[in-house]
């Protein structure tokens, strides 16, 4: 199975969990999933392992894959840490920016613009992921890049939900514009502030996310 097909399968199972088709505590049977999506058990197993790695399911002895619910408080804590890590990455990127990093951020930013204009939240999600990864790389701190990537991966389902909130695509892209300007201007403190605000889910943004989870 190709990388895109594997990603599609993982996303389909993830969407079924987020829509509450597969609820907390439910066991996900590999054979049932393979039949449903018209694939063999091997890619299903690989998709479940990826979902286990981000904490959306848990693979338990003798029970297999079980859907878990981390709860709003845990999700808030993860976003809180993510905002601080991204702020640091943006600050370092502003100080250490080189031409290849500038080009990578610019290219990802352009892709975000196109998917935002098209109103395609799924395409924007992946373009947005590339944008943030370009900033991590631009920090030129391998350890920070590893930590950011790991937590970003764990928050993937919830960041996807955020992008489905009304007007979030356009708002997110406008926030990207300010972040790019700050990094390219070498203003580390402004880049830190803007990224913390962009990633954080305080106030209305958190209530919107909780509402999305409650109705999924």
Protein backbone atom coordinates (compact mmCIF):
# COMPACT_ATOMS: atom_id res chain seq x y z
CA UNK A 1 0.00 0.00 0.00
CA UNK A 2 1.32 3.45 -0.92
CA UNK A 3 2.08 6.13 1.66
CA UNK A 4 -0.97 8.18 0.58
CA UNK A 5 -3.24 5.13 0.74
CA UNK A 6 -1.90 4.30 4.19
CA UNK A 7 -2.54 7.87 5.31
CA UNK A 8 -6.06 7.70 3.88
CA UNK A 9 -6.81 4.54 5.86
CA UNK A 10 -5.46 6.01 9.08
CA UNK A 11 -7.46 9.19 8.53
CA UNK A 12 -10.66 7.23 7.86
CA UNK A 13 -10.34 5.29 11.11
CA UNK A 14 -9.40 8.50 12.93
CA UNK A 15 -12.47 10.27 11.51
CA UNK A 16 -14.72 7.41 12.61
CA UNK A 17 -13.37 7.80 16.14
CA UNK A 18 -13.74 11.59 16.11
CA UNK A 19 -17.32 11.28 14.83
CA UNK A 20 -18.03 8.88 17.71
CA UNK A 21 -18.84 6.05 15.32
CA UNK A 22 -16.25 4.18 17.34
CA UNK A 23 -16.83 5.31 20.92
CA UNK A 24 -14.55 5.25 23.98
CA UNK A 25 -13.95 1.71 25.21
CA UNK A 26 -14.93 0.12 21.90
CA UNK A 27 -12.67 -2.60 20.53
CA UNK A 28 -11.50 -2.16 16.95
CA UNK A 29 -11.36 -5.51 15.19
CA UNK A 30 -8.69 -5.73 12.48
CA UNK A 31 -10.71 -8.13 10.29
CA UNK A 32 -13.83 -5.98 10.48
CA UNK A 33 -11.88 -2.86 9.57
CA UNK A 34 -10.09 -4.64 6.73
CA UNK A 35 -13.43 -5.76 5.28
CA UNK A 36 -14.98 -2.32 5.70
CA UNK A 37 -12.18 -0.48 3.91
CA UNK A 38 -11.38 -3.18 1.37
CA UNK A 39 -7.79 -3.74 2.44
CA UNK A 40 -5.74 -6.50 4.04
CA UNK A 41 -5.12 -6.71 7.76
CA UNK A 42 -1.50 -5.51 7.43
CA UNK A 43 -2.27 -1.84 6.57
CA UNK A 44 -5.05 -1.86 9.19
CA UNK A 45 -2.55 -3.03 11.79
CA UNK A 46 -0.11 -0.30 10.71
CA UNK A 47 -2.84 2.36 10.94
CA UNK A 48 -3.82 1.18 14.41
CA UNK A 49 -0.21 1.31 15.54
CA UNK A 50 -0.03 4.95 14.38
CA UNK A 51 -3.23 5.79 16.24
CA UNK A 52 -1.87 4.02 19.32
CA UNK A 53 1.29 6.17 19.10
CA UNK A 54 -0.73 9.38 19.33
CA UNK A 55 -2.92 8.12 22.17
CA UNK A 56 -6.23 7.92 20.29
CA UNK A 57 -6.45 4.19 20.87
CA UNK A 58 -4.64 1.77 23.15
CA UNK A 59 -3.44 -1.68 22.11
CA UNK A 60 -4.06 -3.94 25.09
CA UNK A 61 -3.03 -7.57 25.74
CA UNK A 62 -5.75 -10.05 24.74
CA UNK A 63 -8.15 -7.22 23.80
CA UNK A 64 -6.37 -5.61 20.87
CA UNK A 65 -7.05 -2.00 19.90
CA UNK A 66 -9.45 -0.10 22.15
CA UNK A 67 -10.64 3.49 21.67
CA UNK A 68 -9.70 5.76 24.56
CA UNK A 69 -10.81 9.24 25.57
CA UNK A 70 -8.09 11.40 27.16
CA UNK A 71 -10.64 13.99 28.30
CA UNK A 72 -10.66 17.79 27.84
CA UNK A 73 -8.25 18.52 30.70
CA UNK A 74 -5.53 16.27 29.30
CA UNK A 75 -5.98 17.73 25.81
CA UNK A 76 -5.76 21.26 27.22
CA UNK A 77 -2.50 20.39 28.98
CA UNK A 78 -1.01 19.02 25.76
CA UNK A 79 -1.97 22.16 23.83
CA UNK A 80 -0.53 24.29 26.63
CA UNK A 81 2.86 22.56 26.33
CA UNK A 82 2.67 22.56 22.53
CA UNK A 83 2.17 26.34 22.52
CA UNK A 84 5.31 26.85 24.60
CA UNK A 85 7.39 24.52 22.44
CA UNK A 86 6.21 26.14 19.22
CA UNK A 87 6.87 29.57 20.64
CA UNK A 88 10.43 28.56 21.41
CA UNK A 89 10.86 27.07 17.93
CA UNK A 90 9.63 30.31 16.35
CA UNK A 91 11.95 32.40 18.49
CA UNK A 92 14.97 30.30 17.57
CA UNK A 93 13.94 30.23 13.90
CA UNK A 94 13.87 34.04 13.86
CA UNK A 95 17.40 34.15 15.26
CA UNK A 96 18.88 31.34 13.18
CA UNK A 97 17.03 31.61 9.87
CA UNK A 98 19.05 30.66 6.80
CA UNK A 99 18.06 30.74 3.14
CA UNK A 100 16.98 27.08 2.81
CA UNK A 101 14.75 27.48 5.89
CA UNK A 102 13.29 30.70 4.50
CA UNK A 103 12.46 28.93 1.26
CA UNK A 104 10.88 25.94 3.06
CA UNK A 105 8.69 28.19 5.23
CA UNK A 106 7.69 30.29 2.22
CA UNK A 107 6.74 27.23 0.15
CA UNK A 108 4.64 25.72 2.96
CA UNK A 109 3.01 29.10 3.60
CA UNK A 110 2.01 29.33 -0.08
CA UNK A 111 0.45 25.87 0.03
CA UNK A 112 -1.53 26.88 3.11
CA UNK A 113 -2.77 29.94 1.24
CA UNK A 114 -4.05 27.85 -1.66
CA UNK A 115 -5.84 25.27 0.51
CA UNK A 116 -7.32 28.00 2.74
CA UNK A 117 -8.66 29.85 -0.31
CA UNK A 118 -10.17 26.57 -1.54
CA UNK A 119 -11.82 26.02 1.85
CA UNK A 120 -10.36 22.50 1.96
CA UNK A 121 -9.81 21.80 5.66
CA UNK A 122 -8.21 18.38 5.10
CA UNK A 123 -5.70 19.72 2.55
CA UNK A 124 -5.03 22.74 4.78
CA UNK A 125 -4.40 20.41 7.70
CA UNK A 126 -1.50 18.70 5.92
CA UNK A 127 -0.17 21.97 4.47
CA UNK A 128 -0.37 23.48 7.95
CA UNK A 129 1.56 20.51 9.32
CA UNK A 130 4.31 21.14 6.76
CA UNK A 131 4.34 24.84 7.71
CA UNK A 132 4.90 24.09 11.38
CA UNK A 133 7.49 21.43 10.63
CA UNK A 134 9.39 23.96 8.52
CA UNK A 135 9.54 26.26 11.55
CA UNK A 136 10.74 23.42 13.78
CA UNK A 137 13.52 22.67 11.31
CA UNK A 138 14.40 26.37 11.05
CA UNK A 139 15.05 26.44 14.82
CA UNK A 140 18.11 24.30 14.05
CA UNK A 141 17.65 22.45 17.33
CA UNK A 142 17.28 18.74 16.62
CA UNK A 143 16.03 17.95 20.11
CA UNK A 144 13.39 20.70 20.00
CA UNK A 145 12.33 19.56 16.53
CA UNK A 146 11.91 16.00 17.81
CA UNK A 147 9.81 17.11 20.79
CA UNK A 148 7.63 19.43 18.71
CA UNK A 149 7.04 16.75 16.08
CA UNK A 150 6.16 14.12 18.67
CA UNK A 151 3.60 16.28 20.47
CA UNK A 152 2.24 17.69 17.20
CA UNK A 153 1.57 14.08 16.14
CA UNK A 154 -0.31 13.35 19.38
CA UNK A 155 -2.49 16.42 18.93
CA UNK A 156 -3.24 15.68 15.28
CA UNK A 157 -6.89 14.57 15.70
CA UNK A 158 -7.77 17.61 17.78
CA UNK A 159 -6.00 20.07 15.49
CA UNK A 160 -8.02 18.57 12.66
CA UNK A 161 -11.22 19.21 14.62
CA UNK A 162 -10.16 22.81 15.25
CA UNK A 163 -9.85 23.47 11.52
CA UNK A 164 -13.48 22.47 11.00
CA UNK A 165 -14.73 25.28 13.24
CA UNK A 166 -16.34 28.03 11.19
CA UNK A 167 -13.86 30.62 9.83
CA UNK A 168 -10.90 28.85 11.42
CA UNK A 169 -9.11 28.26 8.11
CA UNK A 170 -9.01 31.94 7.18
CA UNK A 171 -8.12 32.95 10.74
CA UNK A 172 -5.34 30.39 10.92
CA UNK A 173 -3.82 31.55 7.65
CA UNK A 174 -3.89 35.20 8.74
CA UNK A 175 -2.07 34.17 11.91
CA UNK A 176 0.50 32.39 9.75
CA UNK A 177 1.12 35.63 7.87
CA UNK A 178 2.07 37.43 11.08
CA UNK A 179 4.27 34.54 12.18
CA UNK A 180 6.13 34.51 8.86
CA UNK A 181 6.66 38.27 9.00
CA UNK A 182 8.07 38.06 12.53
CA UNK A 183 10.44 35.18 11.75
CA UNK A 184 11.68 36.78 8.53
CA UNK A 185 12.20 40.09 10.34
CA UNK A 186 14.33 38.34 12.96
CA UNK A 187 11.93 39.31 15.76
CA UNK A 188 12.19 36.32 18.05
CA UNK A 189 9.96 37.65 20.82
CA UNK A 190 7.15 38.51 18.43
CA UNK A 191 7.44 35.13 16.71
CA UNK A 192 7.24 33.45 20.12
CA UNK A 193 4.19 35.47 21.14
CA UNK A 194 2.34 34.88 17.87
CA UNK A 195 3.01 31.13 17.81
CA UNK A 196 1.94 30.70 21.42
CA UNK A 197 -1.31 32.49 20.61
CA UNK A 198 -1.75 30.56 17.36
CA UNK A 199 -1.37 27.13 18.97
CA UNK A 200 -2.93 27.80 22.38
CA UNK A 201 -6.60 26.99 22.93
CA UNK A 202 -7.57 29.32 25.75
CA UNK A 203 -11.00 30.90 26.02
CA UNK A 204 -13.40 30.58 23.10
CA UNK A 205 -11.05 28.38 21.09
CA UNK A 206 -11.01 25.76 23.85
CA UNK A 207 -14.78 25.88 24.29
CA UNK A 208 -15.21 25.46 20.52
CA UNK A 209 -12.94 22.40 20.58
CA UNK A 210 -14.80 20.86 23.54
CA UNK A 211 -18.11 21.50 21.76
CA UNK A 212 -16.78 19.76 18.65
CA UNK A 213 -15.71 16.78 20.75
CA UNK A 214 -19.04 16.64 22.56
CA UNK A 215 -21.00 16.47 19.30
CA UNK A 216 -18.66 14.22 17.35
